[in-house]
Amino acid sequence: MAIATFGAGCFWGVEQFFKELDGVTAAVCGYMGGDLDNPSYEQVKTGETGHAEVVQVQFDEARISYQQLLDTFWQFHNPTTLNQQGEDHGSQYRSVIFFHDDAQRDTAETSKAWQQAEGHWREKTIVTAIEPVTTFFRAEEYHQGYFDKHGLPSCHIALY
């Protein structure tokens, strides 16, 4: 199994999109990229810890590729809004790809460049950061599978 980590706004919707993909074996809400060890949601939501709300995706590379995960990532959030997705504002909602190895970095950079030059987002400037993975902090249990637990539809929609 391989692992990929994405930040694309509120992690509840990001988790929902990824866990529905064939080949994804787990999608876990958490925090990454900040300065505080073991942050809580109450701390991260202030925007002062430097963490992004992320989803760590475990996937079977024989069934789904990292490129296919990236294709999904670009479709369900707006990568052209800095520190914002919809009504959610703050650095914790930034668009970010955390790469786990050089191959993921290269694929993410190529995918972003294609999106900027030829893809759906070519008319605007993509602000998505591509950064090396740091420590992943699993979010509190009440965040995991939030929409399933509450019978709610995803707050993210496919944009194209």
C-alpha atoms as a PDB file:
ATOM      1  CA  MET A   1       0.000   0.000   0.000  1.00  0.00           C
ATOM      2  CA  ALA A   2       1.114   3.536  -0.768  1.00  0.00           C
ATOM      3  CA  ILE A   3       0.267   6.773   1.028  1.00  0.00           C
ATOM      4  CA  ALA A   4      -0.585  10.231  -0.308  1.00  0.00           C
ATOM      5  CA  THR A   5      -1.508  13.365   1.646  1.00  0.00           C
ATOM      6  CA  PHE A   6      -3.668  16.252   0.403  1.00  0.00           C
ATOM      7  CA  GLY A   7      -5.054  19.482   1.832  1.00  0.00           C
ATOM      8  CA  ALA A   8      -7.990  20.968  -0.042  1.00  0.00           C
ATOM      9  CA  GLY A   9     -10.136  22.837   2.443  1.00  0.00           C
ATOM     10  CA  CYS A  10     -12.352  21.222   5.064  1.00  0.00           C
ATOM     11  CA  PHE A  11     -11.066  17.684   5.504  1.00  0.00           C
ATOM     12  CA  TRP A  12     -14.537  16.172   5.864  1.00  0.00           C
ATOM     13  CA  GLY A  13     -15.306  16.657   2.175  1.00  0.00           C
ATOM     14  CA  VAL A  14     -11.801  15.720   1.061  1.00  0.00           C
ATOM     15  CA  GLU A  15     -12.052  12.456   3.002  1.00  0.00           C
ATOM     16  CA  GLN A  16     -15.425  11.689   1.412  1.00  0.00           C
ATOM     17  CA  PHE A  17     -14.164  12.120  -2.167  1.00  0.00           C
ATOM     18  CA  PHE A  18     -11.084   9.994  -1.701  1.00  0.00           C
ATOM     19  CA  LYS A  19     -12.634   7.145   0.253  1.00  0.00           C
ATOM     20  CA  GLU A  20     -15.159   6.590  -2.536  1.00  0.00           C
ATOM     21  CA  LEU A  21     -12.427   5.872  -5.114  1.00  0.00           C
ATOM     22  CA  ASP A  22     -11.830   2.266  -6.123  1.00  0.00           C
ATOM     23  CA  GLY A  23      -8.357   1.343  -4.898  1.00  0.00           C
ATOM     24  CA  VAL A  24      -8.361   3.666  -1.895  1.00  0.00           C
ATOM     25  CA  THR A  25      -8.212   1.480   1.204  1.00  0.00           C
ATOM     26  CA  ALA A  26      -8.299   4.254   3.832  1.00  0.00           C
ATOM     27  CA  ALA A  27      -8.752   8.017   4.056  1.00  0.00           C
ATOM     28  CA  VAL A  28      -7.966   9.618   7.414  1.00  0.00           C
ATOM     29  CA  CYS A  29      -8.536  13.222   8.499  1.00  0.00           C
ATOM     30  CA  GLY A  30      -5.622  14.941  10.191  1.00  0.00           C
ATOM     31  CA  TYR A  31      -3.255  17.864  10.425  1.00  0.00           C
ATOM     32  CA  MET A  32       0.125  18.463   8.783  1.00  0.00           C
ATOM     33  CA  GLY A  33       2.595  21.217   8.104  1.00  0.00           C
ATOM     34  CA  GLY A  34       2.571  23.165  11.330  1.00  0.00           C
ATOM     35  CA  ASP A  35       4.833  23.983  14.244  1.00  0.00           C
ATOM     36  CA  LEU A  36       2.962  22.376  17.135  1.00  0.00           C
ATOM     37  CA  ASP A  37       3.268  18.723  18.169  1.00  0.00           C
ATOM     38  CA  ASN A  38       0.000  16.827  18.438  1.00  0.00           C
ATOM     39  CA  PRO A  39      -2.312  19.780  17.741  1.00  0.00           C
ATOM     40  CA  SER A  40      -6.010  19.649  18.489  1.00  0.00           C
ATOM     41  CA  TYR A  41      -8.771  20.836  16.203  1.00  0.00           C
ATOM     42  CA  GLU A  42      -9.383  23.730  18.592  1.00  0.00           C
ATOM     43  CA  GLN A  43      -5.772  24.846  18.052  1.00  0.00           C
ATOM     44  CA  VAL A  44      -5.624  24.237  14.295  1.00  0.00           C
ATOM     45  CA  LYS A  45      -8.891  26.043  13.560  1.00  0.00           C
ATOM     46  CA  THR A  46      -7.375  29.298  14.848  1.00  0.00           C
ATOM     47  CA  GLY A  47      -5.005  29.299  11.869  1.00  0.00           C
ATOM     48  CA  GLU A  48      -2.093  30.043  14.202  1.00  0.00           C
ATOM     49  CA  THR A  49      -0.379  26.617  14.313  1.00  0.00           C
ATOM     50  CA  GLY A  50       0.601  26.515  10.633  1.00  0.00           C
ATOM     51  CA  HIS A  51      -1.130  23.159  10.124  1.00  0.00           C
ATOM     52  CA  ALA A  52      -3.386  22.395   7.210  1.00  0.00           C
ATOM     53  CA  GLU A  53      -6.432  20.191   7.479  1.00  0.00           C
ATOM     54  CA  VAL A  54      -5.370  17.199   5.391  1.00  0.00           C
ATOM     55  CA  VAL A  55      -6.463  13.739   4.416  1.00  0.00           C
ATOM     56  CA  GLN A  56      -3.932  10.950   4.369  1.00  0.00           C
ATOM     57  CA  VAL A  57      -4.925   8.441   1.710  1.00  0.00           C
ATOM     58  CA  GLN A  58      -3.786   4.823   1.706  1.00  0.00           C
ATOM     59  CA  PHE A  59      -4.137   3.289  -1.736  1.00  0.00           C
ATOM     60  CA  ASP A  60      -3.391   0.147  -3.721  1.00  0.00           C
ATOM     61  CA  GLU A  61      -1.159   1.171  -6.621  1.00  0.00           C
ATOM     62  CA  ALA A  62      -2.293  -1.891  -8.585  1.00  0.00           C
ATOM     63  CA  ARG A  63      -5.831  -0.465  -8.611  1.00  0.00           C
ATOM     64  CA  ILE A  64      -5.370   3.312  -8.620  1.00  0.00           C
ATOM     65  CA  SER A  65      -2.387   5.487  -9.455  1.00  0.00           C
ATOM     66  CA  TYR A  66      -1.068   8.541  -7.678  1.00  0.00           C
ATOM     67  CA  GLN A  67      -1.871  10.488 -10.868  1.00  0.00           C
ATOM     68  CA  GLN A  68      -5.510   9.401 -10.592  1.00  0.00           C
ATOM     69  CA  LEU A  69      -5.567  10.682  -7.005  1.00  0.00           C
ATOM     70  CA  LEU A  70      -4.160  13.998  -8.238  1.00  0.00           C
ATOM     71  CA  ASP A  71      -6.798  14.168 -10.963  1.00  0.00           C
ATOM     72  CA  THR A  72      -9.471  13.827  -8.277  1.00  0.00           C
ATOM     73  CA  PHE A  73      -7.721  16.397  -6.053  1.00  0.00           C
ATOM     74  CA  TRP A  74      -7.845  19.041  -8.817  1.00  0.00           C
ATOM     75  CA  GLN A  75     -11.538  18.359  -9.511  1.00  0.00           C
ATOM     76  CA  PHE A  76     -13.127  18.860  -6.110  1.00  0.00           C
ATOM     77  CA  HIS A  77     -11.595  22.047  -4.787  1.00  0.00           C
ATOM     78  CA  ASN A  78     -10.503  25.416  -6.093  1.00  0.00           C
ATOM     79  CA  PRO A  79      -6.682  25.491  -6.174  1.00  0.00           C
ATOM     80  CA  THR A  80      -6.659  29.181  -7.170  1.00  0.00           C
ATOM     81  CA  THR A  81      -7.887  30.645  -3.869  1.00  0.00           C
ATOM     82  CA  LEU A  82      -5.162  31.294  -1.327  1.00  0.00           C
ATOM     83  CA  ASN A  83      -6.019  30.005   2.159  1.00  0.00           C
ATOM     84  CA  GLN A  84      -9.673  29.616   1.296  1.00  0.00           C
ATOM     85  CA  GLN A  85     -12.186  27.051   0.114  1.00  0.00           C
ATOM     86  CA  GLY A  86     -15.706  28.372  -0.201  1.00  0.00           C
ATOM     87  CA  GLU A  87     -16.730  30.013   3.056  1.00  0.00           C
ATOM     88  CA  ASP A  88     -13.756  28.541   4.953  1.00  0.00           C
ATOM     89  CA  HIS A  89     -10.917  31.052   5.360  1.00  0.00           C
ATOM     90  CA  GLY A  90      -7.472  30.600   6.910  1.00  0.00           C
ATOM     91  CA  SER A  91      -4.170  28.868   6.245  1.00  0.00           C
ATOM     92  CA  GLN A  92      -5.580  25.645   7.697  1.00  0.00           C
ATOM     93  CA  TYR A  93      -7.768  25.397   4.556  1.00  0.00           C
ATOM     94  CA  ARG A  94      -4.943  25.927   2.060  1.00  0.00           C
ATOM     95  CA  SER A  95      -4.488  23.859  -1.071  1.00  0.00           C
ATOM     96  CA  VAL A  96      -1.416  21.691  -0.569  1.00  0.00           C
ATOM     97  CA  ILE A  97       0.062  18.427  -1.761  1.00  0.00           C
ATOM     98  CA  PHE A  98       2.471  16.803   0.686  1.00  0.00           C
ATOM     99  CA  PHE A  99       4.748  14.456  -1.227  1.00  0.00           C
ATOM    100  CA  HIS A 100       6.100  11.272   0.375  1.00  0.00           C
ATOM    101  CA  ASP A 101       8.960  10.650  -2.066  1.00  0.00           C
ATOM    102  CA  ASP A 102      10.686  12.098  -5.120  1.00  0.00           C
ATOM    103  CA  ALA A 103       8.352  10.294  -7.530  1.00  0.00           C
ATOM    104  CA  GLN A 104       5.292  11.859  -5.879  1.00  0.00           C
ATOM    105  CA  ARG A 105       6.942  15.281  -5.935  1.00  0.00           C
ATOM    106  CA  ASP A 106       7.745  14.984  -9.632  1.00  0.00           C
ATOM    107  CA  THR A 107       4.260  13.703 -10.493  1.00  0.00           C
ATOM    108  CA  ALA A 108       2.592  16.449  -8.438  1.00  0.00           C
ATOM    109  CA  GLU A 109       4.716  19.176 -10.049  1.00  0.00           C
ATOM    110  CA  THR A 110       3.994  17.843 -13.542  1.00  0.00           C
ATOM    111  CA  SER A 111       0.292  17.570 -12.774  1.00  0.00           C
ATOM    112  CA  LYS A 112       0.150  21.115 -11.395  1.00  0.00           C
ATOM    113  CA  ALA A 113       2.033  22.478 -14.424  1.00  0.00           C
ATOM    114  CA  TRP A 114      -0.367  20.687 -16.776  1.00  0.00           C
ATOM    115  CA  GLN A 115      -3.401  22.012 -14.877  1.00  0.00           C
ATOM    116  CA  GLN A 116      -1.962  25.528 -15.099  1.00  0.00           C
ATOM    117  CA  ALA A 117      -1.078  25.348 -18.787  1.00  0.00           C
ATOM    118  CA  GLU A 118      -3.771  23.127 -20.279  1.00  0.00           C
ATOM    119  CA  GLY A 119      -6.211  21.934 -17.637  1.00  0.00           C
ATOM    120  CA  HIS A 120      -9.404  23.274 -16.166  1.00  0.00           C
ATOM    121  CA  TRP A 121      -7.558  25.905 -14.100  1.00  0.00           C
ATOM    122  CA  ARG A 122      -5.512  27.449 -16.957  1.00  0.00           C
ATOM    123  CA  GLU A 123      -7.471  30.733 -16.815  1.00  0.00           C
ATOM    124  CA  LYS A 124      -6.397  31.439 -13.209  1.00  0.00           C
ATOM    125  CA  THR A 125      -3.213  31.136 -11.159  1.00  0.00           C
ATOM    126  CA  ILE A 126      -2.928  27.912  -9.179  1.00  0.00           C
ATOM    127  CA  VAL A 127      -1.639  28.589  -5.647  1.00  0.00           C
ATOM    128  CA  THR A 128      -1.399  24.953  -4.505  1.00  0.00           C
ATOM    129  CA  ALA A 129       1.793  24.328  -2.530  1.00  0.00           C
ATOM    130  CA  ILE A 130       3.821  21.161  -3.070  1.00  0.00           C
ATOM    131  CA  GLU A 131       5.766  20.368   0.086  1.00  0.00           C
ATOM    132  CA  PRO A 132       7.614  17.446   1.649  1.00  0.00           C
ATOM    133  CA  VAL A 133       5.559  15.395   4.053  1.00  0.00           C
ATOM    134  CA  THR A 134       5.946  16.216   7.732  1.00  0.00           C
ATOM    135  CA  THR A 135       4.462  14.518  10.763  1.00  0.00           C
ATOM    136  CA  PHE A 136       0.843  13.528  10.274  1.00  0.00           C
ATOM    137  CA  PHE A 137      -1.368  14.067  13.306  1.00  0.00           C
ATOM    138  CA  ARG A 138      -4.623  12.118  13.164  1.00  0.00           C
ATOM    139  CA  ALA A 139      -7.631  14.342  13.848  1.00  0.00           C
ATOM    140  CA  GLU A 140      -9.980  13.581  16.688  1.00  0.00           C
ATOM    141  CA  GLU A 141     -12.284  10.601  16.168  1.00  0.00           C
ATOM    142  CA  TYR A 142     -15.405  12.715  15.716  1.00  0.00           C
ATOM    143  CA  HIS A 143     -13.871  14.090  12.492  1.00  0.00           C
ATOM    144  CA  GLN A 144     -13.331  10.639  10.946  1.00  0.00           C
ATOM    145  CA  GLY A 145     -16.133   9.664   8.552  1.00  0.00           C
ATOM    146  CA  TYR A 146     -18.039  12.766   9.595  1.00  0.00           C
ATOM    147  CA  PHE A 147     -20.566  12.735   6.769  1.00  0.00           C
ATOM    148  CA  ASP A 148     -21.298   9.031   7.172  1.00  0.00           C
ATOM    149  CA  LYS A 149     -21.767   9.404  10.929  1.00  0.00           C
ATOM    150  CA  HIS A 150     -24.229  12.248  10.463  1.00  0.00           C
ATOM    151  CA  GLY A 151     -25.917  11.143   7.226  1.00  0.00           C
ATOM    152  CA  LEU A 152     -24.821  14.284   5.428  1.00  0.00           C
ATOM    153  CA  PRO A 153     -23.774  14.838   1.814  1.00  0.00           C
ATOM    154  CA  SER A 154     -20.275  16.123   1.126  1.00  0.00           C
ATOM    155  CA  CYS A 155     -19.711  19.874   1.332  1.00  0.00           C
ATOM    156  CA  HIS A 156     -17.333  19.596  -1.641  1.00  0.00           C
ATOM    157  CA  ILE A 157     -18.638  19.268  -5.175  1.00  0.00           C
ATOM    158  CA  ALA A 158     -16.829  18.207  -8.314  1.00  0.00           C
ATOM    159  CA  LEU A 159     -16.013  21.446 -10.102  1.00  0.00           C
ATOM    160  CA  TYR A 160     -15.590  19.878 -13.534  1.00  0.00           C
END
